């Protein structure tokens, strides 16, 4: 009997040594998952990315590899998000963290080259479940259009576009709609103007962090004229015409432009620092 017990114990120890040999650093082999059951108790399986992510209440709950505790579309819990691939490669949950990268689409640590399928359908507004650089349009993930106005055409004196969905990280402007082109007190205060004001409603979402509660804190919003010169866009927004939604992930505001009393049309160019460039033609009513 003693010999049999000793044999079983040695077998168990042998099996344990094989597991440890497979994960020399003590971590799991992969973060890949299909359901929450594949993850640890303090984690969830992030839909789309198909990897286990740490849940959190504050950044103090997060590991050094993914230190930002933020909400994610489609989940009710906050999760730990990464900022760089270098930090992901310090993730102690995985035996070979050198295979991890920080997903630009989801801002979580994922196995290199497997950022998950790109969603094609969505619900709601803004980024929703779409990839960065896309927005939810009538239930489909749609790329934000490239600028086609003179404002962003260097050959016509405009500013050269710099946005690249693969490398850029700034806020995305996904909708610009004319509100009016008529008399308003906003431009009446401008020297030499009788008050003709072109108004446009702008909608944007932010990839990392949240939009500020007040328009004065907007991260580098610019109005680009046809000749390429630009103006601080926050000066064109009334405080009462700025708001945020989705926990600060989306912002909506009305911008006021003073085109001159004889103007019948106005081409505007807009962008956030590090974000996409957009064009819109505003026409006099």
C-alpha atoms as a PDB file:
ATOM      1  CA  UNK A   1       0.000   0.000   0.000  1.00  0.00           C
ATOM      2  CA  UNK A   2       2.825   2.393   0.910  1.00  0.00           C
ATOM      3  CA  UNK A   3       4.525   1.690  -2.414  1.00  0.00           C
ATOM      4  CA  UNK A   4       1.292   2.452  -4.299  1.00  0.00           C
ATOM      5  CA  UNK A   5       0.851   5.765  -2.464  1.00  0.00           C
ATOM      6  CA  UNK A   6       4.436   6.722  -3.212  1.00  0.00           C
ATOM      7  CA  UNK A   7       3.933   5.902  -6.893  1.00  0.00           C
ATOM      8  CA  UNK A   8       0.824   8.105  -7.102  1.00  0.00           C
ATOM      9  CA  UNK A   9       2.602  10.972  -5.362  1.00  0.00           C
ATOM     10  CA  UNK A  10       5.544  10.798  -7.729  1.00  0.00           C
ATOM     11  CA  UNK A  11       3.170  10.749 -10.706  1.00  0.00           C
ATOM     12  CA  UNK A  12       1.400  13.858  -9.404  1.00  0.00           C
ATOM     13  CA  UNK A  13       4.694  15.647  -8.858  1.00  0.00           C
ATOM     14  CA  UNK A  14       5.804  14.666 -12.340  1.00  0.00           C
ATOM     15  CA  UNK A  15       2.630  16.098 -13.872  1.00  0.00           C
ATOM     16  CA  UNK A  16       3.081  19.337 -11.934  1.00  0.00           C
ATOM     17  CA  UNK A  17       6.660  19.678 -13.121  1.00  0.00           C
ATOM     18  CA  UNK A  18       5.483  19.291 -16.716  1.00  0.00           C
ATOM     19  CA  UNK A  19       2.973  22.135 -16.260  1.00  0.00           C
ATOM     20  CA  UNK A  20       5.607  24.358 -14.739  1.00  0.00           C
ATOM     21  CA  UNK A  21       8.015  23.474 -17.538  1.00  0.00           C
ATOM     22  CA  UNK A  22       5.415  24.637 -20.062  1.00  0.00           C
ATOM     23  CA  UNK A  23       5.073  27.975 -18.232  1.00  0.00           C
ATOM     24  CA  UNK A  24       8.543  28.728 -16.839  1.00  0.00           C
ATOM     25  CA  UNK A  25       7.491  32.129 -15.465  1.00  0.00           C
ATOM     26  CA  UNK A  26       4.453  30.692 -13.715  1.00  0.00           C
ATOM     27  CA  UNK A  27       1.921  32.369 -16.035  1.00  0.00           C
ATOM     28  CA  UNK A  28      -0.587  30.955 -18.451  1.00  0.00           C
ATOM     29  CA  UNK A  29       0.420  30.270 -22.043  1.00  0.00           C
ATOM     30  CA  UNK A  30      -2.147  32.596 -23.630  1.00  0.00           C
ATOM     31  CA  UNK A  31      -4.760  35.246 -22.822  1.00  0.00           C
ATOM     32  CA  UNK A  32      -7.015  33.943 -25.602  1.00  0.00           C
ATOM     33  CA  UNK A  33     -10.611  33.164 -24.574  1.00  0.00           C
ATOM     34  CA  UNK A  34     -14.109  32.598 -25.906  1.00  0.00           C
ATOM     35  CA  UNK A  35     -16.118  33.067 -22.687  1.00  0.00           C
ATOM     36  CA  UNK A  36     -15.573  34.507 -19.195  1.00  0.00           C
ATOM     37  CA  UNK A  37     -15.167  30.934 -17.949  1.00  0.00           C
ATOM     38  CA  UNK A  38     -11.798  30.808 -19.750  1.00  0.00           C
ATOM     39  CA  UNK A  39     -10.501  33.674 -17.599  1.00  0.00           C
ATOM     40  CA  UNK A  40      -9.570  34.158 -13.940  1.00  0.00           C
ATOM     41  CA  UNK A  41     -12.186  35.309 -11.419  1.00  0.00           C
ATOM     42  CA  UNK A  42     -11.048  38.950 -11.603  1.00  0.00           C
ATOM     43  CA  UNK A  43     -11.124  38.987 -15.418  1.00  0.00           C
ATOM     44  CA  UNK A  44     -13.628  38.949 -18.253  1.00  0.00           C
ATOM     45  CA  UNK A  45     -13.359  37.795 -21.860  1.00  0.00           C
ATOM     46  CA  UNK A  46     -13.471  40.976 -23.948  1.00  0.00           C
ATOM     47  CA  UNK A  47     -15.816  40.527 -26.907  1.00  0.00           C
ATOM     48  CA  UNK A  48     -14.161  41.172 -30.262  1.00  0.00           C
ATOM     49  CA  UNK A  49     -10.610  41.041 -28.913  1.00  0.00           C
ATOM     50  CA  UNK A  50     -11.196  37.511 -27.507  1.00  0.00           C
ATOM     51  CA  UNK A  51      -8.672  37.945 -24.693  1.00  0.00           C
ATOM     52  CA  UNK A  52      -8.947  37.920 -20.896  1.00  0.00           C
ATOM     53  CA  UNK A  53      -8.766  41.430 -19.430  1.00  0.00           C
ATOM     54  CA  UNK A  54      -8.506  42.534 -15.823  1.00  0.00           C
ATOM     55  CA  UNK A  55     -11.616  44.207 -14.384  1.00  0.00           C
ATOM     56  CA  UNK A  56     -11.171  47.225 -12.128  1.00  0.00           C
ATOM     57  CA  UNK A  57     -12.774  50.036 -10.182  1.00  0.00           C
ATOM     58  CA  UNK A  58      -9.753  52.351 -10.200  1.00  0.00           C
ATOM     59  CA  UNK A  59      -6.307  52.260 -11.802  1.00  0.00           C
ATOM     60  CA  UNK A  60      -4.935  50.932  -8.490  1.00  0.00           C
ATOM     61  CA  UNK A  61      -6.597  47.609  -9.355  1.00  0.00           C
ATOM     62  CA  UNK A  62      -4.620  47.357 -12.611  1.00  0.00           C
ATOM     63  CA  UNK A  63      -1.211  45.793 -13.277  1.00  0.00           C
ATOM     64  CA  UNK A  64       1.708  47.913 -14.480  1.00  0.00           C
ATOM     65  CA  UNK A  65       1.275  46.435 -17.967  1.00  0.00           C
ATOM     66  CA  UNK A  66      -2.207  48.029 -18.390  1.00  0.00           C
ATOM     67  CA  UNK A  67      -2.608  50.847 -15.900  1.00  0.00           C
ATOM     68  CA  UNK A  68      -5.677  52.699 -17.229  1.00  0.00           C
ATOM     69  CA  UNK A  69      -9.042  51.738 -15.688  1.00  0.00           C
ATOM     70  CA  UNK A  70     -11.671  52.756 -18.239  1.00  0.00           C
ATOM     71  CA  UNK A  71     -15.054  51.782 -19.580  1.00  0.00           C
ATOM     72  CA  UNK A  72     -15.318  49.881 -22.836  1.00  0.00           C
ATOM     73  CA  UNK A  73     -18.251  49.852 -25.232  1.00  0.00           C
ATOM     74  CA  UNK A  74     -20.424  46.784 -24.817  1.00  0.00           C
ATOM     75  CA  UNK A  75     -19.294  45.984 -21.245  1.00  0.00           C
ATOM     76  CA  UNK A  76     -20.843  47.044 -17.937  1.00  0.00           C
ATOM     77  CA  UNK A  77     -17.577  46.722 -16.004  1.00  0.00           C
ATOM     78  CA  UNK A  78     -14.477  48.877 -16.158  1.00  0.00           C
ATOM     79  CA  UNK A  79     -11.356  47.163 -17.489  1.00  0.00           C
ATOM     80  CA  UNK A  80      -7.604  47.751 -17.383  1.00  0.00           C
ATOM     81  CA  UNK A  81      -6.359  49.201 -20.672  1.00  0.00           C
ATOM     82  CA  UNK A  82      -2.824  49.357 -22.027  1.00  0.00           C
ATOM     83  CA  UNK A  83      -0.964  52.285 -23.530  1.00  0.00           C
ATOM     84  CA  UNK A  84       2.132  50.705 -25.113  1.00  0.00           C
ATOM     85  CA  UNK A  85       3.308  47.338 -26.395  1.00  0.00           C
ATOM     86  CA  UNK A  86       6.421  47.632 -24.232  1.00  0.00           C
ATOM     87  CA  UNK A  87       4.280  47.647 -21.091  1.00  0.00           C
ATOM     88  CA  UNK A  88       2.185  44.708 -22.345  1.00  0.00           C
ATOM     89  CA  UNK A  89       5.395  42.719 -22.640  1.00  0.00           C
ATOM     90  CA  UNK A  90       5.758  43.029 -18.854  1.00  0.00           C
ATOM     91  CA  UNK A  91       2.422  41.258 -18.292  1.00  0.00           C
ATOM     92  CA  UNK A  92       3.041  38.655 -15.575  1.00  0.00           C
ATOM     93  CA  UNK A  93      -0.122  36.722 -16.455  1.00  0.00           C
ATOM     94  CA  UNK A  94       1.569  35.164 -19.509  1.00  0.00           C
ATOM     95  CA  UNK A  95       4.610  32.888 -19.506  1.00  0.00           C
ATOM     96  CA  UNK A  96       6.044  34.567 -22.620  1.00  0.00           C
ATOM     97  CA  UNK A  97       4.843  38.180 -22.487  1.00  0.00           C
ATOM     98  CA  UNK A  98       7.183  39.100 -25.378  1.00  0.00           C
ATOM     99  CA  UNK A  99       4.440  37.784 -27.682  1.00  0.00           C
ATOM    100  CA  UNK A 100       1.986  40.479 -26.555  1.00  0.00           C
ATOM    101  CA  UNK A 101       1.162  43.840 -28.116  1.00  0.00           C
ATOM    102  CA  UNK A 102      -1.149  46.714 -27.181  1.00  0.00           C
ATOM    103  CA  UNK A 103      -4.114  46.528 -29.532  1.00  0.00           C
ATOM    104  CA  UNK A 104      -4.810  49.869 -31.218  1.00  0.00           C
ATOM    105  CA  UNK A 105      -8.432  48.871 -31.669  1.00  0.00           C
ATOM    106  CA  UNK A 106      -9.250  47.776 -28.125  1.00  0.00           C
ATOM    107  CA  UNK A 107      -6.390  49.206 -25.992  1.00  0.00           C
ATOM    108  CA  UNK A 108      -5.810  45.833 -24.301  1.00  0.00           C
ATOM    109  CA  UNK A 109      -2.881  43.409 -24.371  1.00  0.00           C
ATOM    110  CA  UNK A 110      -3.333  40.770 -27.075  1.00  0.00           C
ATOM    111  CA  UNK A 111      -1.138  38.116 -28.741  1.00  0.00           C
ATOM    112  CA  UNK A 112       0.926  39.711 -31.529  1.00  0.00           C
ATOM    113  CA  UNK A 113      -0.889  39.781 -34.851  1.00  0.00           C
ATOM    114  CA  UNK A 114      -4.243  38.709 -33.387  1.00  0.00           C
ATOM    115  CA  UNK A 115      -6.169  41.860 -32.589  1.00  0.00           C
ATOM    116  CA  UNK A 116      -9.457  40.091 -33.103  1.00  0.00           C
ATOM    117  CA  UNK A 117     -11.957  40.379 -35.952  1.00  0.00           C
ATOM    118  CA  UNK A 118     -12.891  43.860 -37.089  1.00  0.00           C
ATOM    119  CA  UNK A 119     -16.611  44.385 -36.413  1.00  0.00           C
ATOM    120  CA  UNK A 120     -18.777  45.294 -39.409  1.00  0.00           C
ATOM    121  CA  UNK A 121     -22.088  45.825 -37.636  1.00  0.00           C
ATOM    122  CA  UNK A 122     -22.874  48.046 -34.674  1.00  0.00           C
ATOM    123  CA  UNK A 123     -25.576  49.827 -32.741  1.00  0.00           C
ATOM    124  CA  UNK A 124     -25.864  53.277 -31.267  1.00  0.00           C
ATOM    125  CA  UNK A 125     -23.694  56.233 -32.195  1.00  0.00           C
ATOM    126  CA  UNK A 126     -20.048  57.188 -32.390  1.00  0.00           C
ATOM    127  CA  UNK A 127     -17.420  54.457 -32.286  1.00  0.00           C
ATOM    128  CA  UNK A 128     -19.726  51.878 -30.666  1.00  0.00           C
ATOM    129  CA  UNK A 129     -18.024  48.507 -31.309  1.00  0.00           C
ATOM    130  CA  UNK A 130     -16.338  49.711 -34.516  1.00  0.00           C
ATOM    131  CA  UNK A 131     -12.605  50.033 -35.056  1.00  0.00           C
ATOM    132  CA  UNK A 132     -10.871  53.338 -34.351  1.00  0.00           C
ATOM    133  CA  UNK A 133     -11.271  55.581 -37.401  1.00  0.00           C
ATOM    134  CA  UNK A 134     -14.734  54.166 -38.101  1.00  0.00           C
ATOM    135  CA  UNK A 135     -18.133  55.158 -36.751  1.00  0.00           C
ATOM    136  CA  UNK A 136     -21.526  53.508 -36.423  1.00  0.00           C
ATOM    137  CA  UNK A 137     -23.693  54.592 -39.364  1.00  0.00           C
ATOM    138  CA  UNK A 138     -27.162  53.034 -39.715  1.00  0.00           C
ATOM    139  CA  UNK A 139     -25.991  49.832 -38.032  1.00  0.00           C
ATOM    140  CA  UNK A 140     -22.782  49.456 -40.063  1.00  0.00           C
ATOM    141  CA  UNK A 141     -19.186  50.305 -39.187  1.00  0.00           C
ATOM    142  CA  UNK A 142     -18.142  52.964 -41.700  1.00  0.00           C
ATOM    143  CA  UNK A 143     -14.751  54.619 -42.174  1.00  0.00           C
ATOM    144  CA  UNK A 144     -14.711  58.361 -41.625  1.00  0.00           C
ATOM    145  CA  UNK A 145     -14.407  60.023 -45.055  1.00  0.00           C
ATOM    146  CA  UNK A 146     -11.133  61.535 -46.182  1.00  0.00           C
ATOM    147  CA  UNK A 147     -11.140  65.353 -46.512  1.00  0.00           C
ATOM    148  CA  UNK A 148     -11.756  66.606 -50.054  1.00  0.00           C
ATOM    149  CA  UNK A 149     -11.959  70.381 -49.559  1.00  0.00           C
ATOM    150  CA  UNK A 150      -9.401  73.065 -50.385  1.00  0.00           C
ATOM    151  CA  UNK A 151      -8.911  73.605 -46.639  1.00  0.00           C
ATOM    152  CA  UNK A 152      -6.906  70.347 -46.563  1.00  0.00           C
ATOM    153  CA  UNK A 153      -5.420  70.478 -50.059  1.00  0.00           C
ATOM    154  CA  UNK A 154      -1.826  71.826 -50.051  1.00  0.00           C
ATOM    155  CA  UNK A 155      -1.955  72.338 -53.832  1.00  0.00           C
ATOM    156  CA  UNK A 156      -4.696  74.928 -53.210  1.00  0.00           C
ATOM    157  CA  UNK A 157      -2.962  76.505 -50.220  1.00  0.00           C
ATOM    158  CA  UNK A 158      -4.634  74.321 -47.598  1.00  0.00           C
ATOM    159  CA  UNK A 159      -3.187  72.334 -44.705  1.00  0.00           C
ATOM    160  CA  UNK A 160      -1.768  68.869 -45.446  1.00  0.00           C
ATOM    161  CA  UNK A 161      -3.804  66.037 -43.832  1.00  0.00           C
ATOM    162  CA  UNK A 162      -1.884  63.810 -41.414  1.00  0.00           C
ATOM    163  CA  UNK A 163      -4.502  61.366 -40.089  1.00  0.00           C
ATOM    164  CA  UNK A 164      -3.721  57.648 -40.322  1.00  0.00           C
ATOM    165  CA  UNK A 165      -6.156  55.219 -38.669  1.00  0.00           C
ATOM    166  CA  UNK A 166      -3.329  52.732 -38.047  1.00  0.00           C
ATOM    167  CA  UNK A 167      -1.079  55.146 -36.142  1.00  0.00           C
ATOM    168  CA  UNK A 168      -3.140  58.174 -35.073  1.00  0.00           C
ATOM    169  CA  UNK A 169      -4.744  58.334 -31.638  1.00  0.00           C
ATOM    170  CA  UNK A 170      -6.630  61.642 -31.483  1.00  0.00           C
ATOM    171  CA  UNK A 171     -10.390  62.225 -31.209  1.00  0.00           C
ATOM    172  CA  UNK A 172     -12.462  61.302 -34.265  1.00  0.00           C
ATOM    173  CA  UNK A 173     -14.968  63.750 -35.744  1.00  0.00           C
ATOM    174  CA  UNK A 174     -17.633  61.566 -37.329  1.00  0.00           C
ATOM    175  CA  UNK A 175     -20.457  63.987 -38.102  1.00  0.00           C
ATOM    176  CA  UNK A 176     -20.710  67.665 -39.105  1.00  0.00           C
ATOM    177  CA  UNK A 177     -24.171  69.025 -39.920  1.00  0.00           C
ATOM    178  CA  UNK A 178     -25.244  72.556 -40.828  1.00  0.00           C
ATOM    179  CA  UNK A 179     -27.608  74.132 -38.305  1.00  0.00           C
ATOM    180  CA  UNK A 180     -28.175  77.557 -39.851  1.00  0.00           C
ATOM    181  CA  UNK A 181     -26.619  80.334 -41.947  1.00  0.00           C
ATOM    182  CA  UNK A 182     -28.314  83.503 -40.746  1.00  0.00           C
ATOM    183  CA  UNK A 183     -28.147  86.412 -38.313  1.00  0.00           C
ATOM    184  CA  UNK A 184     -26.945  85.607 -34.801  1.00  0.00           C
ATOM    185  CA  UNK A 185     -25.505  87.569 -31.904  1.00  0.00           C
ATOM    186  CA  UNK A 186     -22.323  85.462 -31.948  1.00  0.00           C
ATOM    187  CA  UNK A 187     -20.937  87.217 -35.022  1.00  0.00           C
ATOM    188  CA  UNK A 188     -22.683  90.514 -34.275  1.00  0.00           C
ATOM    189  CA  UNK A 189     -19.993  91.073 -31.650  1.00  0.00           C
ATOM    190  CA  UNK A 190     -17.264  90.761 -34.310  1.00  0.00           C
ATOM    191  CA  UNK A 191     -15.844  94.081 -35.534  1.00  0.00           C
ATOM    192  CA  UNK A 192     -17.210  95.038 -38.956  1.00  0.00           C
ATOM    193  CA  UNK A 193     -19.887  92.309 -38.880  1.00  0.00           C
ATOM    194  CA  UNK A 194     -23.647  92.716 -38.795  1.00  0.00           C
ATOM    195  CA  UNK A 195     -24.170  89.236 -37.422  1.00  0.00           C
ATOM    196  CA  UNK A 196     -24.256  86.745 -40.318  1.00  0.00           C
ATOM    197  CA  UNK A 197     -23.310  83.448 -38.663  1.00  0.00           C
ATOM    198  CA  UNK A 198     -22.842  79.969 -40.132  1.00  0.00           C
ATOM    199  CA  UNK A 199     -23.549  77.284 -37.518  1.00  0.00           C
ATOM    200  CA  UNK A 200     -22.540  73.609 -37.638  1.00  0.00           C
ATOM    201  CA  UNK A 201     -23.222  70.808 -35.172  1.00  0.00           C
ATOM    202  CA  UNK A 202     -20.130  68.623 -34.627  1.00  0.00           C
ATOM    203  CA  UNK A 203     -20.046  65.126 -33.130  1.00  0.00           C
ATOM    204  CA  UNK A 204     -16.848  63.358 -32.068  1.00  0.00           C
ATOM    205  CA  UNK A 205     -15.620  60.381 -30.058  1.00  0.00           C
ATOM    206  CA  UNK A 206     -12.382  59.913 -28.165  1.00  0.00           C
ATOM    207  CA  UNK A 207     -10.176  56.810 -28.210  1.00  0.00           C
ATOM    208  CA  UNK A 208      -8.304  57.164 -24.933  1.00  0.00           C
ATOM    209  CA  UNK A 209      -9.694  58.841 -21.843  1.00  0.00           C
ATOM    210  CA  UNK A 210     -12.772  61.052 -21.954  1.00  0.00           C
ATOM    211  CA  UNK A 211     -13.776  64.474 -23.211  1.00  0.00           C
ATOM    212  CA  UNK A 212     -13.688  67.286 -20.628  1.00  0.00           C
ATOM    213  CA  UNK A 213     -16.847  68.480 -18.903  1.00  0.00           C
ATOM    214  CA  UNK A 214     -16.294  72.017 -20.262  1.00  0.00           C
ATOM    215  CA  UNK A 215     -15.482  73.054 -23.822  1.00  0.00           C
ATOM    216  CA  UNK A 216     -12.432  75.002 -22.672  1.00  0.00           C
ATOM    217  CA  UNK A 217     -10.652  71.719 -21.961  1.00  0.00           C
ATOM    218  CA  UNK A 218     -11.077  70.236 -25.434  1.00  0.00           C
ATOM    219  CA  UNK A 219      -7.804  68.615 -26.629  1.00  0.00           C
ATOM    220  CA  UNK A 220      -6.614  70.720 -29.547  1.00  0.00           C
ATOM    221  CA  UNK A 221      -9.691  71.459 -31.694  1.00  0.00           C
ATOM    222  CA  UNK A 222      -8.927  73.582 -34.781  1.00  0.00           C
ATOM    223  CA  UNK A 223     -10.876  75.342 -37.527  1.00  0.00           C
ATOM    224  CA  UNK A 224      -8.896  75.413 -40.790  1.00  0.00           C
ATOM    225  CA  UNK A 225      -9.715  78.080 -43.377  1.00  0.00           C
ATOM    226  CA  UNK A 226      -9.483  77.619 -47.147  1.00  0.00           C
ATOM    227  CA  UNK A 227      -6.049  79.290 -47.176  1.00  0.00           C
ATOM    228  CA  UNK A 228      -4.714  76.813 -44.607  1.00  0.00           C
ATOM    229  CA  UNK A 229      -4.606  79.211 -41.662  1.00  0.00           C
ATOM    230  CA  UNK A 230      -6.242  77.900 -38.520  1.00  0.00           C
ATOM    231  CA  UNK A 231      -8.058  79.126 -35.447  1.00  0.00           C
ATOM    232  CA  UNK A 232      -8.605  77.649 -31.994  1.00  0.00           C
ATOM    233  CA  UNK A 233     -11.946  75.917 -32.424  1.00  0.00           C
ATOM    234  CA  UNK A 234     -12.959  76.291 -28.779  1.00  0.00           C
ATOM    235  CA  UNK A 235     -13.377  80.040 -29.307  1.00  0.00           C
ATOM    236  CA  UNK A 236     -16.202  79.286 -31.754  1.00  0.00           C
ATOM    237  CA  UNK A 237     -18.288  77.299 -29.241  1.00  0.00           C
ATOM    238  CA  UNK A 238     -20.684  78.774 -26.708  1.00  0.00           C
ATOM    239  CA  UNK A 239     -20.329  77.056 -23.303  1.00  0.00           C
ATOM    240  CA  UNK A 240     -24.065  76.295 -23.351  1.00  0.00           C
ATOM    241  CA  UNK A 241     -23.754  74.568 -26.742  1.00  0.00           C
ATOM    242  CA  UNK A 242     -21.282  71.913 -25.629  1.00  0.00           C
ATOM    243  CA  UNK A 243     -22.146  68.546 -24.067  1.00  0.00           C
ATOM    244  CA  UNK A 244     -20.785  65.022 -23.592  1.00  0.00           C
ATOM    245  CA  UNK A 245     -22.404  61.563 -23.622  1.00  0.00           C
ATOM    246  CA  UNK A 246     -21.541  57.884 -23.062  1.00  0.00           C
ATOM    247  CA  UNK A 247     -19.558  58.656 -19.939  1.00  0.00           C
ATOM    248  CA  UNK A 248     -17.515  61.308 -21.726  1.00  0.00           C
ATOM    249  CA  UNK A 249     -16.537  59.093 -24.677  1.00  0.00           C
ATOM    250  CA  UNK A 250     -18.582  61.278 -27.059  1.00  0.00           C
ATOM    251  CA  UNK A 251     -18.876  65.050 -27.390  1.00  0.00           C
ATOM    252  CA  UNK A 252     -21.382  67.193 -29.293  1.00  0.00           C
ATOM    253  CA  UNK A 253     -21.160  70.930 -29.826  1.00  0.00           C
ATOM    254  CA  UNK A 254     -22.223  73.757 -32.135  1.00  0.00           C
ATOM    255  CA  UNK A 255     -19.530  75.852 -33.793  1.00  0.00           C
ATOM    256  CA  UNK A 256     -20.184  79.412 -34.964  1.00  0.00           C
ATOM    257  CA  UNK A 257     -18.384  80.822 -38.024  1.00  0.00           C
ATOM    258  CA  UNK A 258     -18.400  84.448 -39.220  1.00  0.00           C
ATOM    259  CA  UNK A 259     -18.174  84.284 -43.036  1.00  0.00           C
ATOM    260  CA  UNK A 260     -18.715  87.970 -43.860  1.00  0.00           C
ATOM    261  CA  UNK A 261     -21.971  89.684 -44.746  1.00  0.00           C
ATOM    262  CA  UNK A 262     -21.826  89.007 -48.511  1.00  0.00           C
ATOM    263  CA  UNK A 263     -20.971  85.317 -48.207  1.00  0.00           C
ATOM    264  CA  UNK A 264     -23.359  82.720 -49.622  1.00  0.00           C
ATOM    265  CA  UNK A 265     -21.258  79.667 -48.828  1.00  0.00           C
ATOM    266  CA  UNK A 266     -18.432  78.696 -46.476  1.00  0.00           C
ATOM    267  CA  UNK A 267     -16.036  75.767 -46.665  1.00  0.00           C
ATOM    268  CA  UNK A 268     -14.876  74.666 -43.215  1.00  0.00           C
ATOM    269  CA  UNK A 269     -12.133  72.243 -42.209  1.00  0.00           C
ATOM    270  CA  UNK A 270     -11.968  70.765 -38.707  1.00  0.00           C
ATOM    271  CA  UNK A 271      -9.665  68.447 -36.787  1.00  0.00           C
ATOM    272  CA  UNK A 272      -8.500  67.516 -33.301  1.00  0.00           C
ATOM    273  CA  UNK A 273      -4.781  67.170 -32.631  1.00  0.00           C
ATOM    274  CA  UNK A 274      -3.851  63.644 -33.690  1.00  0.00           C
ATOM    275  CA  UNK A 275      -7.326  63.017 -35.101  1.00  0.00           C
ATOM    276  CA  UNK A 276      -8.981  62.965 -38.510  1.00  0.00           C
ATOM    277  CA  UNK A 277      -9.557  65.939 -40.787  1.00  0.00           C
ATOM    278  CA  UNK A 278     -13.109  66.651 -41.963  1.00  0.00           C
ATOM    279  CA  UNK A 279     -14.662  69.044 -44.467  1.00  0.00           C
ATOM    280  CA  UNK A 280     -18.130  70.544 -44.671  1.00  0.00           C
ATOM    281  CA  UNK A 281     -19.759  73.070 -47.017  1.00  0.00           C
ATOM    282  CA  UNK A 282     -22.170  75.473 -45.271  1.00  0.00           C
ATOM    283  CA  UNK A 283     -24.665  77.284 -47.488  1.00  0.00           C
ATOM    284  CA  UNK A 284     -26.667  80.453 -46.842  1.00  0.00           C
ATOM    285  CA  UNK A 285     -30.379  79.839 -46.297  1.00  0.00           C
END
